[in-house]
Protein backbone atom coordinates (compact mmCIF):
# COMPACT_ATOMS: atom_id res chain seq x y z
CA MET A 1 -0.14 0.02 0.16
CA THR A 2 1.49 3.20 -1.10
CA LYS A 3 1.19 6.72 1.10
CA ALA A 4 -1.25 7.88 -1.58
CA GLU A 5 -3.80 4.45 -1.22
CA ILE A 6 -3.36 5.52 2.66
CA VAL A 7 -4.61 8.64 2.05
CA THR A 8 -7.98 7.88 0.20
CA GLU A 9 -8.62 4.95 2.37
CA ILE A 10 -8.75 7.44 5.20
CA ALA A 11 -10.52 10.27 3.65
CA LYS A 12 -12.85 7.42 2.44
CA LYS A 13 -13.46 5.81 5.75
CA THR A 14 -13.40 9.17 7.73
CA GLY A 15 -15.07 11.79 5.05
CA ILE A 16 -12.91 14.08 5.17
CA GLU A 17 -10.65 15.94 2.32
CA LYS A 18 -8.00 14.26 0.39
CA VAL A 19 -6.05 17.24 0.85
CA ALA A 20 -6.97 17.50 5.15
CA VAL A 21 -5.80 14.18 5.09
CA GLN A 22 -2.72 14.27 3.24
CA ALA A 23 -1.06 17.09 5.31
CA THR A 24 -1.87 14.93 8.05
CA VAL A 25 0.03 12.28 7.38
CA GLU A 26 2.41 14.37 6.27
CA SER A 27 3.11 15.99 9.09
CA PHE A 28 2.63 13.14 10.95
CA MET A 29 5.09 11.44 9.40
CA GLU A 30 7.40 14.69 9.74
CA THR A 31 6.86 14.51 13.65
CA VAL A 32 7.77 10.84 13.13
CA LYS A 33 11.37 11.65 11.95
CA ASP A 34 12.01 15.24 13.73
CA SER A 35 11.84 13.19 16.83
CA LEU A 36 13.80 10.45 15.84
CA THR A 37 16.20 12.64 14.30
CA ASN A 38 16.29 14.49 18.17
CA GLY A 39 16.77 11.05 19.88
CA GLU A 40 13.68 10.68 20.96
CA ASN A 41 11.32 7.46 20.05
CA VAL A 42 7.91 7.44 19.27
CA TYR A 43 5.56 5.08 21.12
CA LEU A 44 2.21 4.40 19.81
CA ARG A 45 0.04 2.20 22.30
CA GLY A 46 -1.58 -0.86 20.40
CA PHE A 47 0.85 -0.38 16.82
CA GLY A 48 4.10 0.11 17.65
CA SER A 49 6.89 1.67 18.37
CA PHE A 50 9.74 3.77 16.04
CA ILE A 51 13.25 3.38 17.95
CA ILE A 52 16.66 4.48 17.11
CA LYS A 53 19.01 1.21 17.19
CA ARG A 54 23.00 1.71 17.41
CA ARG A 55 24.51 -0.06 15.32
CA ALA A 56 28.55 -0.85 16.81
CA GLU A 57 31.74 -0.82 15.09
CA LYS A 58 32.56 -2.95 12.46
CA THR A 59 34.87 -4.27 9.82
CA GLY A 60 33.75 -4.28 6.03
CA ARG A 61 35.46 -6.05 3.07
CA ASN A 62 35.72 -4.11 -0.27
CA ILE A 63 35.73 -7.06 -2.43
CA SER A 64 36.44 -5.56 -5.70
CA LYS A 65 39.81 -3.68 -4.05
CA ASN A 66 40.54 -6.81 -1.40
CA THR A 67 41.08 -4.32 1.30
CA THR A 68 39.14 -3.71 4.59
CA ILE A 69 37.41 -0.83 6.02
CA ILE A 70 36.29 -0.01 8.91
CA ILE A 71 32.40 1.02 9.47
CA PRO A 72 31.74 3.52 12.55
CA ALA A 73 29.01 3.11 14.67
CA HIS A 74 26.03 4.77 14.25
CA ASN A 75 22.37 4.92 14.84
CA ILE A 76 19.26 3.96 12.41
CA PRO A 77 15.35 3.84 12.92
CA ALA A 78 13.81 0.85 13.47
CA PHE A 79 10.06 -0.19 13.88
CA LYS A 80 9.24 -2.50 16.24
CA PRO A 81 5.43 -4.02 16.32
CA ALA A 82 3.39 -3.51 19.87
CA LYS A 83 2.16 -7.60 20.66
CA VAL A 84 -1.45 -7.14 19.52
CA PHE A 85 -0.57 -5.82 16.08
CA VAL A 86 1.58 -8.82 15.66
CA ASN A 87 -0.88 -11.34 16.73
CA GLU A 88 -3.22 -9.80 14.42
CA VAL A 89 -1.21 -10.00 11.48
CA LYS A 90 0.29 -14.01 12.59
CA ASN A 91 -4.19 -14.87 13.26
CA LYS A 92 -5.52 -12.95 9.81
CA VAL A 93 -2.69 -14.34 7.43
CA GLN A 94 -3.61 -17.74 8.09
């Protein structure tokens, strides 16, 4: 499902204009990005958490030049679904 399809679905279910829904979805995504950039996790009860994971420094290889490089420690964004959400998906797919 794409962002446009999500906007259309929400507009259909709520009766709110697509333009307003689009602005709300964009604002939500921007807020999540800003929070994660500032080191704050985002918790949505019953849905999941947008969290920051720390990747440790590691050694990588450039196989074309046969050299090793050090990949520095860094943060990555991640999503951890809530148990309720995971259980719903598991039960629906069967």
